[in-house]
Amino acid sequence: MRRQGFTVWFTGLPSSGKTTLSRLLHKELDELGLAAEVLDGDEVRQRLTKGLGFTKEGRDENIRRIAYVAKLLTRVGGIAITAAISPYRELRDLARAEIGSFVEVHVNCPLQVCMQRDVKGLYAKAIKGEIPNFTGISDPYEPPLNPEVTLYTDRESPEESIKKILVKLAALNCLPSNLISRRLKENDATCESEQNAAPRNVERWSI
């Protein structure tokens, strides 16, 4: 029997941590032997939605196309992980309705922290008026009202956030609870071992 697919839909301000988390989640699922694909907002705009602007109409069409691809992956039993700002609540709700098996993850991070993390300097350019329709500065962000998961990336480590997602996916029966329980125990054991070892490079928040 083919396993039911689902979509994990990350939404949040620019530089809130969506890309970091989507890649970490993909790594976890891959190591569990599960087929998953990441639809990253920046990469999608270079290929699938190249040419669309950042007006309300352009953003809406961008999300519609991402939702369509996520629906196809979900329908054939795959796992779609989207990491796009998706600032408008209405379009996220439409994506949920179209995809069906939909897990909304709000990457909640204060604007000031996002600005500090912005290695590309996009916020600074937006404040100067060099980038129009920039979410959080000159364009609104509408946070989810009832997301399945809320992450507070200004005070959680990436590993803590991923653990919250995996636990929720098990609770929603998207993934087998015994599989996730075993994986979390393995991760805890690895973390304990690494804490007792020499200092290492730690995964940092990016965008």
N, C-alpha and C. Protein backbone atom coordinates (compact mmCIF):
# COMPACT_ATOMS: atom_id res chain seq x y z
N MET A 1 0.84 -1.20 0.00
CA MET A 1 0.00 0.00 0.00
C MET A 1 0.88 1.25 0.00
N ARG A 2 0.53 2.21 -0.85
CA ARG A 2 1.31 3.44 -0.93
C ARG A 2 1.01 4.33 0.28
N ARG A 3 2.06 4.89 0.87
CA ARG A 3 1.90 5.76 2.02
C ARG A 3 1.28 7.09 1.59
N GLN A 4 0.45 7.64 2.46
CA GLN A 4 -0.17 8.93 2.18
C GLN A 4 0.87 10.05 2.20
N GLY A 5 0.89 10.86 1.16
CA GLY A 5 1.81 11.99 1.13
C GLY A 5 1.27 13.17 1.92
N PHE A 6 2.12 14.15 2.11
CA PHE A 6 1.69 15.37 2.79
C PHE A 6 2.64 16.50 2.45
N THR A 7 2.22 17.71 2.78
CA THR A 7 3.03 18.90 2.55
C THR A 7 3.30 19.60 3.87
N VAL A 8 4.55 19.95 4.08
CA VAL A 8 4.93 20.80 5.21
C VAL A 8 5.18 22.19 4.64
N TRP A 9 4.35 23.13 5.04
CA TRP A 9 4.38 24.48 4.45
C TRP A 9 4.95 25.48 5.45
N PHE A 10 6.23 25.83 5.25
CA PHE A 10 6.87 26.83 6.09
C PHE A 10 6.46 28.23 5.62
N THR A 11 6.08 29.09 6.55
CA THR A 11 5.78 30.48 6.23
C THR A 11 6.36 31.39 7.31
N GLY A 12 6.86 32.53 6.90
CA GLY A 12 7.45 33.47 7.86
C GLY A 12 8.15 34.60 7.15
N LEU A 13 8.55 35.59 7.91
CA LEU A 13 9.25 36.75 7.37
C LEU A 13 10.55 36.35 6.68
N PRO A 14 11.06 37.20 5.78
CA PRO A 14 12.38 36.95 5.22
C PRO A 14 13.42 36.84 6.33
N SER A 15 14.31 35.87 6.22
CA SER A 15 15.40 35.62 7.16
C SER A 15 14.91 35.12 8.52
N SER A 16 13.71 34.55 8.56
CA SER A 16 13.21 34.01 9.82
C SER A 16 13.74 32.61 10.10
N GLY A 17 14.24 31.93 9.08
CA GLY A 17 14.80 30.59 9.27
C GLY A 17 14.17 29.50 8.44
N LYS A 18 13.34 29.87 7.48
CA LYS A 18 12.61 28.88 6.68
C LYS A 18 13.53 27.96 5.89
N THR A 19 14.52 28.53 5.23
CA THR A 19 15.42 27.72 4.41
C THR A 19 16.25 26.77 5.27
N THR A 20 16.78 27.27 6.37
CA THR A 20 17.55 26.43 7.28
C THR A 20 16.72 25.23 7.73
N LEU A 21 15.48 25.49 8.15
CA LEU A 21 14.63 24.44 8.67
C LEU A 21 14.17 23.47 7.59
N SER A 22 13.87 23.99 6.40
CA SER A 22 13.43 23.09 5.34
C SER A 22 14.54 22.12 4.96
N ARG A 23 15.76 22.59 4.94
CA ARG A 23 16.89 21.71 4.60
C ARG A 23 17.15 20.69 5.69
N LEU A 24 17.04 21.12 6.94
CA LEU A 24 17.24 20.19 8.05
C LEU A 24 16.14 19.13 8.09
N LEU A 25 14.90 19.56 7.84
CA LEU A 25 13.81 18.60 7.82
C LEU A 25 13.99 17.60 6.68
N HIS A 26 14.39 18.09 5.53
CA HIS A 26 14.65 17.20 4.39
C HIS A 26 15.73 16.19 4.75
N LYS A 27 16.77 16.63 5.43
CA LYS A 27 17.86 15.73 5.84
C LYS A 27 17.33 14.65 6.79
N GLU A 28 16.51 15.05 7.74
CA GLU A 28 15.94 14.08 8.68
C GLU A 28 15.09 13.04 7.94
N LEU A 29 14.23 13.49 7.07
CA LEU A 29 13.35 12.58 6.34
C LEU A 29 14.14 11.67 5.42
N ASP A 30 15.17 12.22 4.79
CA ASP A 30 16.01 11.41 3.90
C ASP A 30 16.71 10.30 4.68
N GLU A 31 17.18 10.62 5.87
CA GLU A 31 17.86 9.62 6.68
C GLU A 31 16.90 8.56 7.21
N LEU A 32 15.61 8.89 7.22
CA LEU A 32 14.58 7.92 7.58
C LEU A 32 14.12 7.10 6.38
N GLY A 33 14.71 7.39 5.20
CA GLY A 33 14.36 6.66 4.00
C GLY A 33 13.06 7.11 3.36
N LEU A 34 12.65 8.35 3.62
CA LEU A 34 11.39 8.87 3.10
C LEU A 34 11.65 9.83 1.94
N ALA A 35 10.83 9.72 0.91
CA ALA A 35 11.00 10.56 -0.28
C ALA A 35 10.41 11.94 -0.03
N ALA A 36 11.25 12.95 -0.11
CA ALA A 36 10.81 14.33 0.12
C ALA A 36 11.54 15.26 -0.83
N GLU A 37 10.88 16.36 -1.17
CA GLU A 37 11.49 17.38 -2.02
C GLU A 37 11.25 18.75 -1.38
N VAL A 38 12.24 19.63 -1.47
CA VAL A 38 12.13 20.99 -0.96
C VAL A 38 11.81 21.94 -2.11
N LEU A 39 10.76 22.72 -1.94
CA LEU A 39 10.42 23.77 -2.89
C LEU A 39 10.79 25.09 -2.23
N ASP A 40 12.02 25.52 -2.42
CA ASP A 40 12.52 26.74 -1.79
C ASP A 40 12.10 27.96 -2.59
N GLY A 41 11.63 28.99 -1.89
CA GLY A 41 11.10 30.16 -2.57
C GLY A 41 12.05 30.80 -3.55
N ASP A 42 13.31 30.98 -3.14
CA ASP A 42 14.29 31.62 -4.02
C ASP A 42 14.56 30.77 -5.26
N GLU A 43 14.69 29.45 -5.07
CA GLU A 43 14.97 28.57 -6.20
C GLU A 43 13.77 28.49 -7.15
N VAL A 44 12.58 28.46 -6.57
CA VAL A 44 11.37 28.41 -7.41
C VAL A 44 11.28 29.64 -8.30
N ARG A 45 11.62 30.80 -7.74
CA ARG A 45 11.55 32.04 -8.53
C ARG A 45 12.59 32.08 -9.64
N GLN A 46 13.64 31.30 -9.53
CA GLN A 46 14.64 31.26 -10.59
C GLN A 46 14.20 30.37 -11.75
N ARG A 47 13.23 29.48 -11.50
CA ARG A 47 12.85 28.52 -12.53
C ARG A 47 11.35 28.51 -12.78
N LEU A 48 10.60 27.99 -11.82
CA LEU A 48 9.17 27.80 -12.03
C LEU A 48 8.40 29.10 -12.19
N THR A 49 8.79 30.13 -11.45
CA THR A 49 8.03 31.39 -11.49
C THR A 49 8.91 32.56 -11.93
N LYS A 50 9.92 32.27 -12.71
CA LYS A 50 10.80 33.32 -13.20
C LYS A 50 9.99 34.31 -14.04
N GLY A 51 10.17 35.59 -13.77
CA GLY A 51 9.44 36.61 -14.52
C GLY A 51 8.29 37.21 -13.74
N LEU A 52 7.85 36.51 -12.70
CA LEU A 52 6.80 37.08 -11.87
C LEU A 52 7.38 38.18 -10.98
N GLY A 53 6.64 39.24 -10.80
CA GLY A 53 7.10 40.32 -9.94
C GLY A 53 6.70 40.10 -8.49
N PHE A 54 6.86 41.14 -7.69
CA PHE A 54 6.55 41.04 -6.27
C PHE A 54 5.34 41.89 -5.90
N THR A 55 4.50 42.16 -6.89
CA THR A 55 3.23 42.79 -6.60
C THR A 55 2.33 41.75 -5.94
N LYS A 56 1.18 42.18 -5.46
CA LYS A 56 0.23 41.23 -4.86
C LYS A 56 -0.14 40.14 -5.86
N GLU A 57 -0.36 40.52 -7.10
CA GLU A 57 -0.74 39.55 -8.13
C GLU A 57 0.41 38.57 -8.40
N GLY A 58 1.63 39.10 -8.47
CA GLY A 58 2.78 38.23 -8.72
C GLY A 58 3.03 37.26 -7.58
N ARG A 59 2.90 37.75 -6.36
CA ARG A 59 3.09 36.88 -5.19
C ARG A 59 2.02 35.79 -5.15
N ASP A 60 0.78 36.17 -5.45
CA ASP A 60 -0.31 35.20 -5.42
C ASP A 60 -0.07 34.09 -6.44
N GLU A 61 0.32 34.45 -7.65
CA GLU A 61 0.57 33.46 -8.68
C GLU A 61 1.75 32.57 -8.31
N ASN A 62 2.76 33.14 -7.68
CA ASN A 62 3.91 32.37 -7.21
C ASN A 62 3.46 31.27 -6.25
N ILE A 63 2.61 31.62 -5.30
CA ILE A 63 2.13 30.64 -4.32
C ILE A 63 1.22 29.61 -4.98
N ARG A 64 0.41 30.04 -5.93
CA ARG A 64 -0.46 29.08 -6.63
C ARG A 64 0.37 28.00 -7.33
N ARG A 65 1.47 28.40 -7.96
CA ARG A 65 2.29 27.43 -8.68
C ARG A 65 3.02 26.51 -7.72
N ILE A 66 3.53 27.06 -6.62
CA ILE A 66 4.17 26.22 -5.61
C ILE A 66 3.17 25.21 -5.05
N ALA A 67 1.96 25.68 -4.76
CA ALA A 67 0.92 24.81 -4.22
C ALA A 67 0.58 23.69 -5.19
N TYR A 68 0.55 23.99 -6.48
CA TYR A 68 0.22 22.98 -7.48
C TYR A 68 1.27 21.88 -7.51
N VAL A 69 2.54 22.25 -7.50
CA VAL A 69 3.61 21.25 -7.50
C VAL A 69 3.57 20.43 -6.21
N ALA A 70 3.34 21.12 -5.07
CA ALA A 70 3.25 20.41 -3.79
C ALA A 70 2.09 19.42 -3.81
N LYS A 71 0.98 19.80 -4.43
CA LYS A 71 -0.17 18.91 -4.53
C LYS A 71 0.18 17.65 -5.32
N LEU A 72 0.90 17.81 -6.42
CA LEU A 72 1.27 16.65 -7.24
C LEU A 72 2.17 15.70 -6.46
N LEU A 73 3.15 16.25 -5.73
CA LEU A 73 4.04 15.41 -4.93
C LEU A 73 3.27 14.69 -3.84
N THR A 74 2.36 15.43 -3.19
CA THR A 74 1.56 14.84 -2.11
C THR A 74 0.65 13.75 -2.64
N ARG A 75 0.07 13.97 -3.79
CA ARG A 75 -0.90 13.04 -4.37
C ARG A 75 -0.29 11.68 -4.68
N VAL A 76 1.00 11.66 -5.03
CA VAL A 76 1.64 10.38 -5.37
C VAL A 76 2.39 9.78 -4.18
N GLY A 77 2.12 10.30 -2.98
CA GLY A 77 2.69 9.72 -1.78
C GLY A 77 4.01 10.32 -1.34
N GLY A 78 4.44 11.40 -1.99
CA GLY A 78 5.67 12.05 -1.60
C GLY A 78 5.45 13.09 -0.50
N ILE A 79 6.54 13.65 -0.05
CA ILE A 79 6.50 14.71 0.97
C ILE A 79 7.04 15.98 0.34
N ALA A 80 6.21 17.00 0.29
CA ALA A 80 6.63 18.30 -0.23
C ALA A 80 6.94 19.21 0.95
N ILE A 81 8.09 19.87 0.89
CA ILE A 81 8.48 20.84 1.92
C ILE A 81 8.62 22.18 1.23
N THR A 82 7.76 23.11 1.54
CA THR A 82 7.84 24.42 0.91
C THR A 82 8.44 25.43 1.88
N ALA A 83 9.29 26.28 1.34
CA ALA A 83 9.93 27.33 2.15
C ALA A 83 9.83 28.64 1.40
N ALA A 84 8.65 29.23 1.46
CA ALA A 84 8.40 30.51 0.80
C ALA A 84 7.73 31.44 1.80
N ILE A 85 7.98 32.73 1.67
CA ILE A 85 7.40 33.68 2.61
C ILE A 85 5.89 33.51 2.68
N SER A 86 5.25 33.36 1.53
CA SER A 86 3.78 33.22 1.42
C SER A 86 3.08 34.14 2.42
N PRO A 87 3.16 35.43 2.20
CA PRO A 87 2.74 36.40 3.21
C PRO A 87 1.25 36.55 3.42
N TYR A 88 0.44 36.11 2.44
CA TYR A 88 -0.99 36.38 2.52
C TYR A 88 -1.77 35.15 2.98
N ARG A 89 -2.55 35.35 4.01
CA ARG A 89 -3.30 34.25 4.63
C ARG A 89 -4.27 33.59 3.65
N GLU A 90 -4.90 34.37 2.83
CA GLU A 90 -5.88 33.83 1.89
C GLU A 90 -5.25 32.81 0.95
N LEU A 91 -4.06 33.11 0.45
CA LEU A 91 -3.41 32.19 -0.49
C LEU A 91 -2.93 30.93 0.21
N ARG A 92 -2.48 31.07 1.45
CA ARG A 92 -2.09 29.87 2.20
C ARG A 92 -3.31 28.98 2.45
N ASP A 93 -4.43 29.60 2.75
CA ASP A 93 -5.66 28.82 2.96
C ASP A 93 -6.09 28.13 1.67
N LEU A 94 -5.91 28.80 0.54
CA LEU A 94 -6.23 28.17 -0.74
C LEU A 94 -5.29 27.00 -1.02
N ALA A 95 -4.02 27.16 -0.67
CA ALA A 95 -3.05 26.08 -0.84
C ALA A 95 -3.45 24.88 0.03
N ARG A 96 -3.88 25.14 1.25
CA ARG A 96 -4.33 24.07 2.14
C ARG A 96 -5.50 23.32 1.52
N ALA A 97 -6.47 24.07 1.00
CA ALA A 97 -7.66 23.46 0.41
C ALA A 97 -7.30 22.62 -0.82
N GLU A 98 -6.35 23.10 -1.62
CA GLU A 98 -5.97 22.38 -2.84
C GLU A 98 -5.16 21.13 -2.53
N ILE A 99 -4.25 21.24 -1.59
CA ILE A 99 -3.33 20.13 -1.32
C ILE A 99 -3.99 19.06 -0.46
N GLY A 100 -4.74 19.47 0.53
CA GLY A 100 -5.43 18.51 1.39
C GLY A 100 -4.63 18.16 2.63
N SER A 101 -3.63 17.30 2.47
CA SER A 101 -2.80 16.90 3.61
C SER A 101 -1.72 17.97 3.80
N PHE A 102 -2.00 18.92 4.66
CA PHE A 102 -1.26 20.19 4.71
C PHE A 102 -0.90 20.51 6.15
N VAL A 103 0.38 20.68 6.42
CA VAL A 103 0.85 21.00 7.76
C VAL A 103 1.52 22.37 7.70
N GLU A 104 0.84 23.37 8.26
CA GLU A 104 1.36 24.73 8.21
C GLU A 104 2.29 24.98 9.39
N VAL A 105 3.49 25.45 9.08
CA VAL A 105 4.49 25.72 10.10
C VAL A 105 4.82 27.21 10.07
N HIS A 106 4.45 27.92 11.13
CA HIS A 106 4.74 29.34 11.21
C HIS A 106 6.11 29.54 11.83
N VAL A 107 7.03 30.05 11.04
CA VAL A 107 8.38 30.35 11.53
C VAL A 107 8.33 31.76 12.10
N ASN A 108 8.05 31.84 13.37
CA ASN A 108 7.79 33.10 14.06
C ASN A 108 9.10 33.69 14.58
N CYS A 109 9.47 34.82 14.05
CA CYS A 109 10.72 35.47 14.46
C CYS A 109 10.51 36.98 14.41
N PRO A 110 10.89 37.70 15.48
CA PRO A 110 10.70 39.15 15.48
C PRO A 110 11.41 39.83 14.31
N LEU A 111 10.80 40.88 13.81
CA LEU A 111 11.35 41.59 12.66
C LEU A 111 12.79 42.03 12.91
N GLN A 112 13.07 42.55 14.09
CA GLN A 112 14.42 43.04 14.38
C GLN A 112 15.46 41.93 14.30
N VAL A 113 15.09 40.73 14.75
CA VAL A 113 16.02 39.60 14.67
C VAL A 113 16.23 39.20 13.21
N CYS A 114 15.15 39.18 12.43
CA CYS A 114 15.28 38.87 11.01
C CYS A 114 16.21 39.86 10.31
N MET A 115 16.09 41.12 10.68
CA MET A 115 16.94 42.15 10.07
C MET A 115 18.40 41.93 10.43
N GLN A 116 18.66 41.50 11.66
CA GLN A 116 20.04 41.24 12.09
C GLN A 116 20.64 40.05 11.36
N ARG A 117 19.81 39.09 10.99
CA ARG A 117 20.29 37.88 10.31
C ARG A 117 20.47 38.08 8.81
N ASP A 118 19.97 39.15 8.27
CA ASP A 118 19.89 39.34 6.83
C ASP A 118 21.27 39.61 6.22
N VAL A 119 21.96 38.53 5.83
CA VAL A 119 23.31 38.66 5.29
C VAL A 119 23.30 39.31 3.91
N LYS A 120 22.17 39.27 3.22
CA LYS A 120 22.09 39.87 1.89
C LYS A 120 21.83 41.38 1.93
N GLY A 121 21.48 41.88 3.09
CA GLY A 121 21.21 43.31 3.21
C GLY A 121 19.92 43.77 2.56
N LEU A 122 18.98 42.84 2.38
CA LEU A 122 17.74 43.18 1.68
C LEU A 122 16.85 44.11 2.51
N TYR A 123 16.81 43.89 3.80
CA TYR A 123 16.00 44.76 4.66
C TYR A 123 16.50 46.20 4.58
N ALA A 124 17.81 46.38 4.64
CA ALA A 124 18.39 47.72 4.58
C ALA A 124 18.03 48.41 3.26
N LYS A 125 18.08 47.65 2.18
CA LYS A 125 17.72 48.22 0.88
C LYS A 125 16.24 48.57 0.83
N ALA A 126 15.41 47.72 1.45
CA ALA A 126 13.97 47.98 1.46
C ALA A 126 13.64 49.24 2.26
N ILE A 127 14.33 49.42 3.37
CA ILE A 127 14.11 50.61 4.20
C ILE A 127 14.49 51.87 3.43
N LYS A 128 15.52 51.77 2.60
CA LYS A 128 15.96 52.91 1.79
C LYS A 128 15.04 53.13 0.59
N GLY A 129 14.11 52.23 0.36
CA GLY A 129 13.21 52.34 -0.78
C GLY A 129 13.75 51.74 -2.05
N GLU A 130 14.88 51.01 -1.95
CA GLU A 130 15.49 50.43 -3.13
C GLU A 130 14.80 49.14 -3.58
N ILE A 131 14.06 48.50 -2.67
CA ILE A 131 13.31 47.29 -3.01
C ILE A 131 11.85 47.53 -2.64
N PRO A 132 10.98 47.64 -3.63
CA PRO A 132 9.56 47.87 -3.33
C PRO A 132 8.86 46.58 -2.92
N ASN A 133 7.73 46.71 -2.27
CA ASN A 133 6.89 45.56 -1.90
C ASN A 133 7.67 44.50 -1.13
N PHE A 134 8.45 44.95 -0.17
CA PHE A 134 9.26 43.99 0.60
C PHE A 134 8.51 43.62 1.87
N THR A 135 8.29 42.33 2.05
CA THR A 135 7.50 41.85 3.17
C THR A 135 8.12 42.25 4.51
N GLY A 136 7.29 42.81 5.36
CA GLY A 136 7.74 43.24 6.68
C GLY A 136 8.13 44.69 6.75
N ILE A 137 8.39 45.30 5.58
CA ILE A 137 8.77 46.71 5.52
C ILE A 137 7.73 47.51 4.76
N SER A 138 7.58 47.25 3.49
CA SER A 138 6.62 48.01 2.67
C SER A 138 5.47 47.14 2.17
N ASP A 139 5.43 45.90 2.63
CA ASP A 139 4.35 45.00 2.25
C ASP A 139 4.01 44.16 3.48
N PRO A 140 2.74 43.86 3.71
CA PRO A 140 2.36 43.19 4.96
C PRO A 140 2.70 41.71 4.99
N TYR A 141 2.84 41.20 6.21
CA TYR A 141 2.89 39.76 6.44
C TYR A 141 1.73 39.40 7.35
N GLU A 142 0.91 38.47 6.90
CA GLU A 142 -0.26 38.06 7.67
C GLU A 142 0.02 36.70 8.31
N PRO A 143 0.33 36.66 9.60
CA PRO A 143 0.67 35.39 10.25
C PRO A 143 -0.51 34.44 10.29
N PRO A 144 -0.23 33.14 10.30
CA PRO A 144 -1.32 32.15 10.39
C PRO A 144 -2.11 32.32 11.68
N LEU A 145 -3.39 32.00 11.60
CA LEU A 145 -4.24 32.08 12.79
C LEU A 145 -4.21 30.77 13.58
N ASN A 146 -4.14 29.65 12.87
CA ASN A 146 -4.15 28.34 13.54
C ASN A 146 -3.18 27.37 12.86
N PRO A 147 -1.90 27.67 12.88
CA PRO A 147 -0.94 26.76 12.26
C PRO A 147 -0.81 25.46 13.06
N GLU A 148 -0.44 24.40 12.38
CA GLU A 148 -0.21 23.14 13.10
C GLU A 148 1.01 23.25 14.02
N VAL A 149 2.00 24.01 13.60
CA VAL A 149 3.22 24.17 14.40
C VAL A 149 3.63 25.64 14.38
N THR A 150 4.03 26.15 15.54
CA THR A 150 4.62 27.49 15.62
C THR A 150 6.02 27.35 16.19
N LEU A 151 6.99 27.88 15.47
CA LEU A 151 8.38 27.85 15.89
C LEU A 151 8.83 29.25 16.27
N TYR A 152 9.58 29.36 17.34
CA TYR A 152 10.08 30.65 17.80
C TYR A 152 11.59 30.66 17.59
N THR A 153 12.00 31.03 16.40
CA THR A 153 13.39 30.83 16.00
C THR A 153 14.34 31.86 16.59
N ASP A 154 13.81 32.83 17.34
CA ASP A 154 14.70 33.75 18.05
C ASP A 154 15.18 33.15 19.37
N ARG A 155 14.51 32.08 19.83
CA ARG A 155 14.91 31.48 21.10
C ARG A 155 14.99 29.95 21.06
N GLU A 156 14.74 29.36 19.90
CA GLU A 156 14.90 27.92 19.73
C GLU A 156 16.08 27.66 18.80
N SER A 157 16.79 26.58 19.08
CA SER A 157 17.83 26.17 18.14
C SER A 157 17.16 25.48 16.95
N PRO A 158 17.84 25.40 15.82
CA PRO A 158 17.26 24.67 14.68
C PRO A 158 16.89 23.24 15.04
N GLU A 159 17.72 22.60 15.86
CA GLU A 159 17.44 21.22 16.25
C GLU A 159 16.17 21.13 17.10
N GLU A 160 15.96 22.08 17.98
CA GLU A 160 14.75 22.09 18.80
C GLU A 160 13.51 22.29 17.92
N SER A 161 13.62 23.17 16.94
CA SER A 161 12.48 23.42 16.05
C SER A 161 12.15 22.18 15.22
N ILE A 162 13.17 21.51 14.72
CA ILE A 162 12.93 20.30 13.93
C ILE A 162 12.28 19.22 14.78
N LYS A 163 12.68 19.11 16.02
CA LYS A 163 12.08 18.13 16.92
C LYS A 163 10.59 18.40 17.09
N LYS A 164 10.21 19.67 17.24
CA LYS A 164 8.80 20.04 17.36
C LYS A 164 8.01 19.61 16.13
N ILE A 165 8.61 19.81 14.96
CA ILE A 165 7.92 19.44 13.71
C ILE A 165 7.74 17.93 13.63
N LEU A 166 8.78 17.17 13.92
CA LEU A 166 8.70 15.71 13.84
C LEU A 166 7.67 15.16 14.82
N VAL A 167 7.65 15.70 16.02
CA VAL A 167 6.67 15.26 17.02
C VAL A 167 5.25 15.52 16.53
N LYS A 168 5.04 16.68 15.92
CA LYS A 168 3.71 17.01 15.42
C LYS A 168 3.32 16.12 14.24
N LEU A 169 4.26 15.84 13.36
CA LEU A 169 3.97 14.97 12.22
C LEU A 169 3.56 13.58 12.69
N ALA A 170 4.18 13.13 13.77
CA ALA A 170 3.79 11.84 14.34
C ALA A 170 2.40 11.93 14.96
N ALA A 171 2.12 13.02 15.67
CA ALA A 171 0.82 13.21 16.32
C ALA A 171 -0.31 13.28 15.29
N LEU A 172 -0.01 13.83 14.12
CA LEU A 172 -1.01 13.96 13.05
C LEU A 172 -1.11 12.69 12.19
N ASN A 173 -0.32 11.68 12.54
CA ASN A 173 -0.28 10.42 11.79
C ASN A 173 0.24 10.59 10.37
N CYS A 174 1.00 11.66 10.15
CA CYS A 174 1.67 11.82 8.86
C CYS A 174 2.85 10.86 8.75
N LEU A 175 3.48 10.60 9.91
CA LEU A 175 4.60 9.69 9.98
C LEU A 175 4.37 8.71 11.13
N PRO A 176 4.89 7.48 11.04
CA PRO A 176 4.73 6.51 12.13
C PRO A 176 5.36 7.01 13.43
N SER A 177 4.61 6.97 14.51
CA SER A 177 5.11 7.49 15.79
C SER A 177 6.32 6.71 16.29
N ASN A 178 6.34 5.38 16.05
CA ASN A 178 7.48 4.59 16.51
C ASN A 178 8.75 4.96 15.75
N LEU A 179 8.60 5.28 14.47
CA LEU A 179 9.75 5.69 13.66
C LEU A 179 10.32 7.02 14.17
N ILE A 180 9.44 7.96 14.45
CA ILE A 180 9.88 9.27 14.93
C ILE A 180 10.46 9.17 16.33
N SER A 181 9.84 8.38 17.17
CA SER A 181 10.35 8.20 18.54
C SER A 181 11.77 7.65 18.52
N ARG A 182 12.01 6.66 17.67
CA ARG A 182 13.34 6.07 17.57
C ARG A 182 14.34 7.08 17.03
N ARG A 183 13.91 7.87 16.04
CA ARG A 183 14.80 8.88 15.46
C ARG A 183 15.17 9.94 16.48
N LEU A 184 14.21 10.38 17.28
CA LEU A 184 14.48 11.42 18.28
C LEU A 184 15.43 10.90 19.35
N LYS A 185 15.30 9.64 19.71
CA LYS A 185 16.22 9.06 20.69
C LYS A 185 17.63 9.01 20.12
N GLU A 186 17.73 8.67 18.84
CA GLU A 186 19.05 8.65 18.20
C GLU A 186 19.66 10.05 18.18
N ASN A 187 18.84 11.05 17.87
CA ASN A 187 19.33 12.42 17.83
C ASN A 187 19.77 12.90 19.20
N ASP A 188 18.99 12.54 20.23
CA ASP A 188 19.35 12.94 21.60
C ASP A 188 20.67 12.31 22.01
N ALA A 189 20.87 11.05 21.64
CA ALA A 189 22.11 10.36 21.97
C ALA A 189 23.28 10.99 21.25
N THR A 190 23.07 11.38 19.99
CA THR A 190 24.13 12.03 19.22
C THR A 190 24.50 13.38 19.82
N CYS A 191 23.48 14.15 20.22
CA CYS A 191 23.72 15.46 20.82
C CYS A 191 24.51 15.32 22.12
N GLU A 192 24.14 14.32 22.93
CA GLU A 192 24.83 14.11 24.20
C GLU A 192 26.29 13.74 23.96
N SER A 193 26.52 12.90 22.95
CA SER A 193 27.88 12.49 22.63
C SER A 193 28.71 13.67 22.14
N GLU A 194 28.10 14.52 21.31
CA GLU A 194 28.82 15.67 20.76
C GLU A 194 29.10 16.72 21.83
N GLN A 195 28.22 16.84 22.82
CA GLN A 195 28.44 17.79 23.89
C GLN A 195 29.65 17.41 24.73
N ASN A 196 29.94 16.12 24.79
CA ASN A 196 31.07 15.64 25.56
C ASN A 196 32.36 15.60 24.74
N ALA A 197 32.23 15.89 23.44
CA ALA A 197 33.39 15.86 22.55
C ALA A 197 33.97 17.26 22.39
N ALA A 198 34.93 17.39 21.48
CA ALA A 198 35.56 18.69 21.23
C ALA A 198 34.55 19.63 20.58
N PRO A 199 34.77 20.95 20.67
CA PRO A 199 33.86 21.91 20.03
C PRO A 199 33.74 21.63 18.55
N ARG A 200 32.55 21.85 18.01
CA ARG A 200 32.30 21.59 16.60
C ARG A 200 31.56 22.77 15.97
N ASN A 201 31.47 22.75 14.68
CA ASN A 201 30.68 23.77 13.99
C ASN A 201 29.21 23.47 14.18
N VAL A 202 28.44 24.42 14.67
CA VAL A 202 27.03 24.24 14.96
C VAL A 202 26.20 24.85 13.83
N GLU A 203 25.12 24.16 13.49
CA GLU A 203 24.20 24.67 12.46
C GLU A 203 23.66 26.02 12.92
N ARG A 204 23.78 27.03 12.09
CA ARG A 204 23.33 28.37 12.43
C ARG A 204 22.11 28.73 11.60
N TRP A 205 21.32 29.65 12.13
CA TRP A 205 20.19 30.15 11.35
C TRP A 205 20.73 30.92 10.16
N SER A 206 20.09 30.74 9.01
CA SER A 206 20.50 31.53 7.84
C SER A 206 19.32 32.36 7.37
N ILE A 207 18.45 31.80 6.52
CA ILE A 207 17.35 32.61 5.99
C ILE A 207 16.03 31.87 6.14
